[in-house]
Amino acid sequence: MTEELILASASPTRAWLLATAGVEVRVEPAAVDEEAVKQTFRAKGRAAVECALALAEAKAHRVAGRHDRAFVIGADQILACDGLWFDKPSDLGAARAQLKALRGRTHELATAACVVQNETRIWHTVKQPHLLMREFSDLFLDDYLAVEGTAVLGTVGAYRLEGRGVQLFERVEGDHFAILGLPLLELLGFLRKCGQLPS
């Protein structure tokens, strides 16, 4: 017997990835004070990927506490570049400043996912793709932001690699799905192993 699958995330991309893979999930975002968690991890000198896993687990635990036996998927992603952590930009001006700061540099997308059932973490994985932004011109950046508009505000890097944002890059190394925000292949493998998906 399969249990209910719940995605404890407000990310439309994560929900889309699962839906297009044929996985039926109910979306129930979790309210977690992400900034407080990040500040704690930064103050202790902890790695971005450790913080991403802690946030993913906190979200899953928050939702799992309301649903007996459900498999609750938590996920999080932090962009780190030369010791700095970047959040989703608050407006297009912040997006422009962020992209200029990342231009010509390699950044890491610390991506974590976990599954919690009955308030116990039963699976987790972390990925750390590395992406090198090319030395794009200010003119290209202005055009990019004009075309993409506020869509970039919903992503931690102010870009969508599955769209026009791919033009910002010179090199991408790592799991494609993890870059989009969810280590999908590993998650699907776990769900099959548990009998949640047909093998």
Protein backbone atom coordinates (compact mmCIF):
# COMPACT_ATOMS: atom_id res chain seq x y z
CA MET A 1 0.00 0.00 0.00
CA THR A 2 1.37 3.40 -0.94
CA GLU A 3 1.16 6.37 1.39
CA GLU A 4 0.22 9.93 0.51
CA LEU A 5 3.07 11.97 -0.99
CA ILE A 6 3.30 15.60 0.09
CA LEU A 7 5.72 18.23 -1.18
CA ALA A 8 6.58 20.66 1.64
CA SER A 9 7.68 23.39 -0.74
CA ALA A 10 6.18 26.44 -2.40
CA SER A 11 8.47 26.03 -5.41
CA PRO A 12 6.46 25.70 -8.63
CA THR A 13 9.53 24.21 -10.33
CA ARG A 14 9.79 21.34 -7.83
CA ALA A 15 6.08 20.61 -8.17
CA TRP A 16 6.44 20.73 -11.97
CA LEU A 17 9.41 18.35 -11.95
CA LEU A 18 7.46 15.77 -9.95
CA ALA A 19 4.29 16.20 -11.99
CA THR A 20 6.07 15.82 -15.33
CA ALA A 21 7.79 12.70 -13.97
CA GLY A 22 4.35 11.24 -13.29
CA VAL A 23 4.51 11.52 -9.51
CA GLU A 24 1.29 12.61 -7.86
CA VAL A 25 1.98 14.83 -4.87
CA ARG A 26 -0.03 17.24 -2.80
CA VAL A 27 1.70 20.57 -2.33
CA GLU A 28 1.69 21.92 1.21
CA PRO A 29 4.32 24.63 1.76
CA ALA A 30 5.87 24.84 5.23
CA ALA A 31 6.39 28.10 7.07
CA VAL A 32 9.98 28.06 8.31
CA ASP A 33 12.09 31.06 9.36
CA GLU A 34 14.76 30.40 6.75
CA GLU A 35 16.76 33.53 7.45
CA ALA A 36 17.15 32.65 11.14
CA VAL A 37 18.44 29.19 10.23
CA LYS A 38 20.86 30.63 7.68
CA GLN A 39 22.18 33.19 10.16
CA THR A 40 22.85 30.44 12.70
CA PHE A 41 24.72 28.29 10.20
CA ARG A 42 26.74 31.22 8.88
CA ALA A 43 27.65 32.33 12.41
CA LYS A 44 28.99 28.83 13.11
CA GLY A 45 30.93 28.70 9.84
CA ARG A 46 28.88 25.75 8.59
CA ALA A 47 28.73 24.83 4.90
CA ALA A 48 25.87 25.97 2.68
CA VAL A 49 24.98 22.37 1.82
CA GLU A 50 24.57 21.55 5.53
CA CYS A 51 22.23 24.50 5.92
CA ALA A 52 20.24 23.49 2.83
CA LEU A 53 19.71 20.02 4.30
CA ALA A 54 18.68 21.46 7.66
CA LEU A 55 16.13 23.71 5.93
CA ALA A 56 14.80 20.85 3.79
CA GLU A 57 14.37 18.72 6.88
CA ALA A 58 12.76 21.52 8.90
CA LYS A 59 10.16 22.04 6.16
CA ALA A 60 9.40 18.33 5.90
CA HIS A 61 9.13 17.92 9.68
CA ARG A 62 6.77 20.89 9.94
CA VAL A 63 4.35 19.32 7.46
CA ALA A 64 4.84 15.69 8.58
CA GLY A 65 3.67 16.63 12.06
CA ARG A 66 0.20 17.17 10.59
CA HIS A 67 0.00 13.95 8.55
CA ASP A 68 0.40 10.45 9.96
CA ARG A 69 2.26 8.03 7.68
CA ALA A 70 2.51 10.43 4.74
CA PHE A 71 5.81 10.64 2.88
CA VAL A 72 6.71 14.33 3.11
CA ILE A 73 9.34 15.64 0.71
CA GLY A 74 11.40 18.60 1.84
CA ALA A 75 13.91 20.44 -0.34
CA ASP A 76 16.03 23.54 -0.25
CA GLN A 77 18.77 25.24 -2.24
CA ILE A 78 21.38 27.84 -1.37
CA LEU A 79 23.57 29.67 -3.85
CA ALA A 80 27.10 30.14 -2.53
CA CYS A 81 29.89 32.09 -4.22
CA ASP A 82 33.28 32.79 -2.66
CA GLY A 83 31.93 32.48 0.87
CA LEU A 84 28.80 34.56 0.27
CA TRP A 85 25.27 33.13 0.28
CA PHE A 86 22.71 34.61 -2.07
CA ASP A 87 18.93 34.69 -1.56
CA LYS A 88 16.13 35.22 -4.04
CA PRO A 89 16.35 38.87 -5.17
CA SER A 90 13.71 41.19 -3.75
CA ASP A 91 13.29 43.22 -6.95
CA LEU A 92 14.79 43.64 -10.41
CA GLY A 93 17.42 46.04 -9.11
CA ALA A 94 18.60 43.41 -6.63
CA ALA A 95 18.53 40.79 -9.40
CA ARG A 96 20.74 42.98 -11.58
CA ALA A 97 23.22 43.55 -8.74
CA GLN A 98 23.29 39.84 -7.96
CA LEU A 99 23.93 38.81 -11.56
CA LYS A 100 26.71 41.38 -11.85
CA ALA A 101 28.29 39.96 -8.69
CA LEU A 102 28.14 36.43 -10.14
CA ARG A 103 29.34 37.42 -13.63
CA GLY A 104 32.60 35.74 -14.62
CA ARG A 105 32.65 33.66 -11.43
CA THR A 106 31.82 30.09 -10.45
CA HIS A 107 29.09 29.53 -7.90
CA GLU A 108 27.70 26.46 -6.16
CA LEU A 109 24.04 25.49 -5.86
CA ALA A 110 23.91 23.59 -2.58
CA THR A 111 20.79 21.48 -3.08
CA ALA A 112 19.27 19.12 -0.54
CA ALA A 113 16.19 16.92 -0.38
CA CYS A 114 14.80 14.58 2.23
CA VAL A 115 11.74 12.50 3.02
CA VAL A 116 10.18 12.50 6.48
CA GLN A 117 7.56 10.03 7.67
CA ASN A 118 6.00 10.07 11.14
CA GLU A 119 8.42 12.87 12.05
CA THR A 120 11.48 10.71 11.25
CA ARG A 121 13.83 11.44 8.37
CA ILE A 122 13.91 8.22 6.33
CA TRP A 123 15.96 9.44 3.35
CA HIS A 124 18.09 12.37 2.26
CA THR A 125 20.56 13.42 -0.40
CA VAL A 126 22.66 16.48 -1.17
CA LYS A 127 24.11 17.74 -4.43
CA GLN A 128 26.54 20.56 -5.16
CA PRO A 129 26.48 21.54 -8.85
CA HIS A 130 28.96 24.22 -9.95
CA LEU A 131 28.11 26.83 -12.56
CA LEU A 132 30.40 29.34 -14.25
CA MET A 133 28.74 32.52 -15.48
CA ARG A 134 30.27 34.03 -18.58
CA GLU A 135 31.48 37.61 -18.85
CA PHE A 136 28.24 38.90 -20.38
CA SER A 137 27.88 42.59 -21.23
CA ASP A 138 25.76 45.10 -19.34
CA LEU A 139 23.70 45.44 -22.53
CA PHE A 140 22.98 41.71 -22.52
CA LEU A 141 22.07 41.87 -18.83
CA ASP A 142 19.64 44.74 -19.39
CA ASP A 143 18.00 42.87 -22.28
CA TYR A 144 17.85 39.65 -20.27
CA LEU A 145 16.10 41.31 -17.34
CA ALA A 146 13.72 43.19 -19.63
CA VAL A 147 12.62 39.94 -21.26
CA GLU A 148 12.54 37.75 -18.14
CA GLY A 149 11.01 40.41 -15.90
CA THR A 150 9.79 39.43 -12.44
CA ALA A 151 10.09 35.71 -13.25
CA VAL A 152 13.73 35.92 -12.07
CA LEU A 153 12.58 36.94 -8.59
CA GLY A 154 11.35 33.42 -7.89
CA THR A 155 14.78 31.83 -8.28
CA VAL A 156 17.76 31.91 -5.95
CA GLY A 157 20.17 32.85 -8.74
CA ALA A 158 17.92 35.28 -10.62
CA TYR A 159 17.98 32.86 -13.56
CA ARG A 160 16.07 29.89 -14.91
CA LEU A 161 18.47 27.45 -16.52
CA GLU A 162 15.56 25.77 -18.28
CA GLY A 163 14.88 29.04 -20.12
CA ARG A 164 16.72 32.14 -21.31
CA GLY A 165 18.93 32.03 -18.21
CA VAL A 166 21.07 29.35 -19.85
CA GLN A 167 22.59 32.14 -21.98
CA LEU A 168 24.25 33.53 -18.86
CA PHE A 169 26.55 30.53 -18.55
CA GLU A 170 29.86 29.34 -19.92
CA ARG A 171 29.99 25.99 -18.10
CA VAL A 172 27.66 23.91 -15.94
CA GLU A 173 28.84 20.90 -13.93
CA GLY A 174 26.52 18.67 -11.94
CA ASP A 175 23.08 17.14 -11.80
CA HIS A 176 20.64 19.04 -14.04
CA PHE A 177 17.65 18.33 -11.80
CA ALA A 178 19.56 19.45 -8.71
CA ILE A 179 20.30 22.73 -10.46
CA LEU A 180 16.56 23.15 -10.97
CA GLY A 181 16.05 22.56 -7.24
CA LEU A 182 15.36 18.86 -6.71
CA PRO A 183 17.69 15.81 -7.02
CA LEU A 184 14.94 14.01 -8.90
CA LEU A 185 16.61 10.77 -9.98
CA GLU A 186 17.72 9.88 -6.44
CA LEU A 187 14.29 10.76 -5.05
CA LEU A 188 12.52 8.61 -7.64
CA GLY A 189 14.86 5.73 -6.87
CA PHE A 190 14.05 5.95 -3.17
CA LEU A 191 10.31 6.10 -3.80
CA ARG A 192 10.52 3.00 -6.02
CA LYS A 193 12.54 1.16 -3.39
CA CYS A 194 9.85 1.92 -0.81
CA GLY A 195 7.06 0.78 -3.11
CA GLN A 196 5.69 4.29 -3.51
CA LEU A 197 6.26 4.08 -7.26
CA PRO A 198 6.09 1.06 -9.56
CA SER A 199 9.42 -0.61 -10.19
